[in-house]
Amino acid sequence: MNIPVIDNGGQWTHREYRVLRDLGADARIVPNTTPFSELRADGVVLSGGALSLEGTDAPLGKVGEWIDRVEVPVLGICVGHQYLARHFGGVVSHAQTPEFGRVTVTLEAEGDRLLGALPGSIQVWESHNDEVVRPPPGWRKLGFSPTCQVEAMAHPSRPIWGVQFHPEVEHTEKGRELFENFLAQCRR
């Protein structure tokens, strides 16, 4: 199973790659300037990164050129999550309370194929100054924390998810299970 990790300059992009490889995926890290036609993808992970999307329409490499028509599952993490929100019509803003380190996230994800089987509350690892303050129209909000209202979200009809937290970091409870659930969607 081919799962490219689109590198958006995240400090833990290599961890996303490593978890996917450990779970048996043929994962590789590729620049976000790679055209989708060159990805050979059964699923795509949009990594985190230090880029601020607040108040801009800055591109995320070539992601905007293919995200509207891609049919494989997509998981956006941190900046990847924020990019998905902005691209599909949501709002990204500077966080009133940036989150760094351990945070409790409440999941409201019953029936969701990515997060639905996880507990209702998990401890996650965060590292962000910006956040999604309004998900795109029609998207389902799947989780929140005391200081971030959109910790996780899902596209209404396509297999596209975003999470603000970092499931690839060992300090995130159930992060490996989240990746297992994502790979299960890539096998469909």
Protein backbone atom coordinates (compact mmCIF):
# COMPACT_ATOMS: atom_id res chain seq x y z
CA MET A 1 0.00 0.00 0.00
CA ASN A 2 1.57 3.30 -1.15
CA ILE A 3 1.17 6.16 1.34
CA PRO A 4 3.17 9.30 0.55
CA VAL A 5 3.67 11.72 3.43
CA ILE A 6 3.55 15.20 1.94
CA ASP A 7 6.27 17.20 3.67
CA ASN A 8 5.09 20.64 4.74
CA GLY A 9 8.19 21.28 6.85
CA GLY A 10 6.88 19.62 10.00
CA GLN A 11 9.20 18.75 12.84
CA TRP A 12 7.65 15.27 13.12
CA THR A 13 7.15 14.37 9.45
CA HIS A 14 9.69 11.56 9.87
CA ARG A 15 7.60 10.18 12.76
CA GLU A 16 4.50 10.01 10.52
CA TYR A 17 6.59 8.12 7.96
CA ARG A 18 7.97 5.78 10.63
CA VAL A 19 4.57 4.89 12.14
CA LEU A 20 3.15 4.15 8.69
CA ARG A 21 6.17 1.98 7.82
CA ASP A 22 5.88 0.14 11.14
CA LEU A 23 2.23 -0.59 10.27
CA GLY A 24 3.28 -2.17 6.98
CA ALA A 25 2.61 0.68 4.53
CA ASP A 26 5.04 1.56 1.76
CA ALA A 27 5.43 5.09 3.10
CA ARG A 28 7.78 7.72 1.78
CA ILE A 29 8.29 11.42 2.41
CA VAL A 30 7.84 13.64 -0.64
CA PRO A 31 7.96 17.43 -1.11
CA ASN A 32 4.62 19.24 -1.23
CA THR A 33 5.60 20.41 -4.72
CA THR A 34 5.14 16.87 -6.08
CA PRO A 35 2.27 16.60 -8.60
CA PHE A 36 -0.36 14.05 -7.59
CA SER A 37 0.24 12.10 -10.82
CA GLU A 38 3.72 11.24 -9.48
CA LEU A 39 2.59 10.07 -6.04
CA ARG A 40 1.32 6.51 -6.80
CA ALA A 41 -0.94 6.82 -3.78
CA ASP A 42 -3.45 4.56 -2.04
CA GLY A 43 -3.79 7.30 0.59
CA VAL A 44 -2.05 10.59 1.41
CA VAL A 45 -0.89 12.14 4.69
CA LEU A 46 -0.45 15.93 4.73
CA SER A 47 2.19 16.57 7.37
CA GLY A 48 2.35 19.34 9.89
CA GLY A 49 4.65 22.31 9.50
CA ALA A 50 5.63 25.70 10.86
CA LEU A 51 3.91 27.60 8.03
CA SER A 52 1.20 30.01 9.18
CA LEU A 53 -1.91 29.99 6.99
CA GLU A 54 -3.74 32.60 9.06
CA GLY A 55 -5.13 35.36 6.89
CA THR A 56 -3.42 34.17 3.70
CA ASP A 57 -4.23 32.25 0.60
CA ALA A 58 -0.66 30.94 0.36
CA PRO A 59 -0.46 27.64 -1.51
CA LEU A 60 0.67 24.45 0.15
CA GLY A 61 2.94 23.33 -2.66
CA LYS A 62 0.85 21.59 -5.32
CA VAL A 63 -1.77 20.22 -2.91
CA GLY A 64 -4.39 22.72 -4.08
CA GLU A 65 -3.99 21.46 -7.65
CA TRP A 66 -5.16 17.93 -6.81
CA ILE A 67 -7.08 17.90 -3.53
CA ASP A 68 -10.45 18.65 -5.15
CA ARG A 69 -10.30 15.59 -7.41
CA VAL A 70 -8.26 13.04 -5.48
CA GLU A 71 -10.24 9.90 -4.64
CA VAL A 72 -7.88 8.21 -2.18
CA PRO A 73 -8.16 8.83 1.58
CA VAL A 74 -6.38 11.94 2.90
CA LEU A 75 -5.30 12.68 6.48
CA GLY A 76 -4.20 16.23 7.27
CA ILE A 77 -2.18 16.73 10.44
CA CYS A 78 -1.66 20.17 12.09
CA VAL A 79 -0.91 22.52 9.15
CA GLY A 80 -2.29 19.82 6.83
CA HIS A 81 -5.55 19.98 8.85
CA GLN A 82 -5.55 23.78 8.69
CA TYR A 83 -4.92 23.74 4.94
CA LEU A 84 -7.84 21.37 4.34
CA ALA A 85 -10.10 23.68 6.34
CA ARG A 86 -9.04 26.80 4.48
CA HIS A 87 -9.07 25.15 1.05
CA PHE A 88 -12.61 23.82 1.45
CA GLY A 89 -14.03 27.11 2.83
CA GLY A 90 -13.34 27.01 6.56
CA VAL A 91 -11.50 29.64 8.59
CA VAL A 92 -8.00 29.44 10.06
CA SER A 93 -6.88 32.04 12.60
CA HIS A 94 -4.17 32.68 15.16
CA ALA A 95 -5.13 30.74 18.27
CA GLN A 96 -6.22 32.79 21.26
CA THR A 97 -4.40 30.18 23.34
CA PRO A 98 -1.73 28.34 21.34
CA GLU A 99 -1.37 24.72 22.41
CA PHE A 100 1.97 23.09 23.12
CA GLY A 101 2.48 19.78 24.88
CA ARG A 102 -0.16 17.52 26.42
CA VAL A 103 -3.81 18.46 25.87
CA THR A 104 -7.07 16.59 26.50
CA VAL A 105 -9.21 16.23 23.39
CA THR A 106 -12.88 15.28 23.57
CA LEU A 107 -14.02 13.24 20.60
CA GLU A 108 -17.57 13.37 19.27
CA ALA A 109 -16.95 10.91 16.48
CA GLU A 110 -19.53 8.15 16.81
CA GLY A 111 -19.84 6.33 13.50
CA ASP A 112 -16.76 7.96 11.97
CA ARG A 113 -14.44 5.50 10.21
CA LEU A 114 -11.26 7.18 11.46
CA LEU A 115 -12.01 8.28 15.02
CA GLY A 116 -15.30 6.57 15.90
CA ALA A 117 -13.75 3.57 17.67
CA LEU A 118 -11.47 5.69 19.87
CA PRO A 119 -12.41 6.65 23.45
CA GLY A 120 -14.42 9.82 24.02
CA SER A 121 -11.46 11.57 25.63
CA ILE A 122 -7.77 11.17 24.78
CA GLN A 123 -4.53 12.84 25.79
CA VAL A 124 -2.74 14.18 22.71
CA TRP A 125 0.41 16.11 21.86
CA GLU A 126 -0.01 19.59 20.39
CA SER A 127 2.30 22.13 18.77
CA HIS A 128 0.44 24.98 17.09
CA ASN A 129 -0.03 28.75 17.07
CA ASP A 130 -2.83 28.76 14.47
CA GLU A 131 -6.02 26.71 14.46
CA VAL A 132 -9.21 26.02 12.56
CA VAL A 133 -11.89 28.27 14.07
CA ARG A 134 -14.63 27.25 11.65
CA PRO A 135 -14.68 24.00 9.68
CA PRO A 136 -15.65 24.08 6.00
CA PRO A 137 -19.38 24.07 5.20
CA GLY A 138 -20.84 20.61 5.67
CA TRP A 139 -17.77 19.15 7.36
CA ARG A 140 -18.34 17.27 10.61
CA LYS A 141 -16.49 18.49 13.68
CA LEU A 142 -15.18 15.35 15.42
CA GLY A 143 -13.24 16.71 18.38
CA PHE A 144 -12.34 19.73 20.49
CA SER A 145 -10.16 20.73 23.43
CA PRO A 146 -10.68 23.35 26.15
CA THR A 147 -8.91 25.97 24.00
CA CYS A 148 -9.39 24.72 20.40
CA GLN A 149 -12.88 24.10 19.05
CA VAL A 150 -11.87 22.10 15.95
CA GLU A 151 -9.32 19.46 16.93
CA ALA A 152 -10.64 16.99 14.34
CA MET A 153 -12.98 17.15 11.35
CA ALA A 154 -14.20 15.05 8.43
CA HIS A 155 -15.38 15.80 4.90
CA PRO A 156 -19.12 15.16 4.52
CA SER A 157 -18.83 12.65 1.65
CA ARG A 158 -15.19 11.94 0.82
CA PRO A 159 -12.55 10.06 2.86
CA ILE A 160 -10.75 13.22 4.00
CA TRP A 161 -9.95 13.98 7.64
CA GLY A 162 -7.99 16.60 9.53
CA VAL A 163 -6.58 16.53 13.05
CA GLN A 164 -4.93 19.46 14.81
CA PHE A 165 -2.98 17.22 17.19
CA HIS A 166 -0.05 14.94 16.38
CA PRO A 167 -1.04 11.24 16.33
CA GLU A 168 2.50 10.27 15.26
CA VAL A 169 3.99 11.32 18.60
CA GLU A 170 4.27 8.63 21.28
CA HIS A 171 2.68 10.95 23.86
CA THR A 172 -0.62 10.90 21.93
CA GLU A 173 -2.95 8.21 23.24
CA LYS A 174 -4.42 6.03 20.50
CA GLY A 175 -2.31 7.71 17.81
CA ARG A 176 -1.19 4.38 16.38
CA GLU A 177 -4.83 3.22 16.26
CA LEU A 178 -5.74 6.39 14.37
CA PHE A 179 -3.13 5.51 11.73
CA GLU A 180 -4.35 1.90 11.64
CA ASN A 181 -7.88 3.16 11.00
CA PHE A 182 -6.57 5.43 8.24
CA LEU A 183 -4.75 2.55 6.55
CA ALA A 184 -7.92 0.46 6.76
CA GLN A 185 -9.67 3.16 4.71
CA CYS A 186 -6.85 3.08 2.17
CA ARG A 187 -7.42 -0.66 1.64
CA ARG A 188 -11.10 -0.19 0.68
